[in-house]
Amino acid sequence: MVNINYIRSYFRALRDYLAQSGFSPPKIEVYRIATSTNDIVMDEFRRGSKKDCLCMAEAQTKGKGRRGRSCLLYTSDAADE
């Protein structure tokens, strides 16, 4: 299973590094469970956010596939099989 706190600290460090290097770091959202990461990013865009947004979730409850493909959800139970 993914350690979500490790992922959050990694992305904070990445954001800080990019800012110190003169880049405009993206807004980074990390969730244990989200409805759809795509919906979260699109909501940011619709609200007028001018920043790039990176969204990651350990699990999605309404994840969608792209181009007719299905969204695959892996759980720690499935990874053990």
Protein backbone atom coordinates (compact mmCIF):
# COMPACT_ATOMS: atom_id res chain seq x y z
CA MET A 1 0.00 0.00 0.00
CA VAL A 2 1.18 3.52 -0.78
CA ASN A 3 2.25 5.60 2.21
CA ILE A 4 0.26 8.78 1.49
CA ASN A 5 2.26 10.86 3.97
CA TYR A 6 5.49 9.93 2.16
CA ILE A 7 3.92 10.95 -1.16
CA ARG A 8 2.78 14.29 0.30
CA SER A 9 6.24 15.04 1.69
CA TYR A 10 7.84 14.08 -1.64
CA PHE A 11 5.57 16.45 -3.57
CA ARG A 12 6.17 19.26 -1.05
CA ALA A 13 9.90 18.83 -1.60
CA LEU A 14 9.40 18.79 -5.38
CA ARG A 15 7.28 21.96 -5.24
CA ASP A 16 9.91 23.72 -3.10
CA TYR A 17 12.72 22.62 -5.42
CA LEU A 18 10.88 23.90 -8.49
CA ALA A 19 10.17 27.24 -6.81
CA GLN A 20 13.83 27.65 -5.78
CA SER A 21 14.89 26.80 -9.33
CA GLY A 22 12.78 29.60 -10.77
CA PHE A 23 9.93 27.44 -12.07
CA SER A 24 6.29 28.00 -11.27
CA PRO A 25 5.39 24.88 -9.32
CA PRO A 26 1.98 23.30 -9.93
CA LYS A 27 -0.71 23.07 -7.33
CA ILE A 28 -0.38 19.55 -5.95
CA GLU A 29 -3.34 17.69 -4.45
CA VAL A 30 -2.85 14.29 -2.80
CA TYR A 31 -5.82 12.32 -1.52
CA ARG A 32 -6.19 8.99 0.21
CA ILE A 33 -9.61 8.58 -1.49
CA ALA A 34 -11.02 10.87 -4.18
CA THR A 35 -14.06 10.73 -6.40
CA SER A 36 -12.17 11.30 -9.67
CA THR A 37 -8.77 12.95 -9.99
CA ASN A 38 -9.81 14.25 -13.41
CA ASP A 39 -12.94 15.86 -11.94
CA ILE A 40 -10.85 17.53 -9.21
CA VAL A 41 -8.45 19.02 -11.76
CA MET A 42 -11.30 20.13 -14.02
CA ASP A 43 -13.07 21.81 -11.07
CA GLU A 44 -9.88 23.78 -10.38
CA PHE A 45 -9.80 24.88 -14.02
CA ARG A 46 -13.50 25.84 -14.04
CA ARG A 47 -13.04 27.94 -10.90
CA GLY A 48 -10.48 29.98 -12.82
CA SER A 49 -7.27 28.58 -11.40
CA LYS A 50 -4.30 29.82 -13.44
CA LYS A 51 -1.91 27.24 -11.97
CA ASP A 52 -1.23 23.81 -13.34
CA CYS A 53 -2.68 21.16 -11.05
CA LEU A 54 -1.35 17.70 -10.32
CA CYS A 55 -3.76 15.40 -8.51
CA MET A 56 -3.01 11.96 -7.15
CA ALA A 57 -5.19 9.57 -5.18
CA GLU A 58 -4.59 6.20 -3.60
CA ALA A 59 -8.13 5.23 -4.63
CA GLN A 60 -10.94 6.71 -6.70
CA THR A 61 -14.64 6.09 -6.19
CA LYS A 62 -15.78 7.46 -9.57
CA GLY A 63 -12.63 7.23 -11.68
CA LYS A 64 -13.10 7.26 -15.43
CA GLY A 65 -11.01 5.76 -18.16
CA ARG A 66 -9.86 7.70 -21.20
CA ARG A 67 -10.72 7.11 -24.85
CA GLY A 68 -13.16 4.31 -24.12
CA ARG A 69 -10.83 2.47 -21.74
CA SER A 70 -11.82 1.60 -18.19
CA CYS A 71 -10.14 2.96 -15.11
CA LEU A 72 -8.22 0.23 -13.29
CA LEU A 73 -8.27 0.44 -9.52
CA TYR A 74 -5.68 -1.48 -7.59
CA THR A 75 -6.02 -2.18 -3.90
CA SER A 76 -3.47 -3.53 -1.51
CA ASP A 77 -5.47 -6.81 -1.46
CA ALA A 78 -5.21 -7.16 -5.24
CA ALA A 79 -1.48 -6.44 -5.19
CA ASP A 80 -0.95 -9.35 -2.78
CA GLU A 81 -2.48 -11.89 -5.15
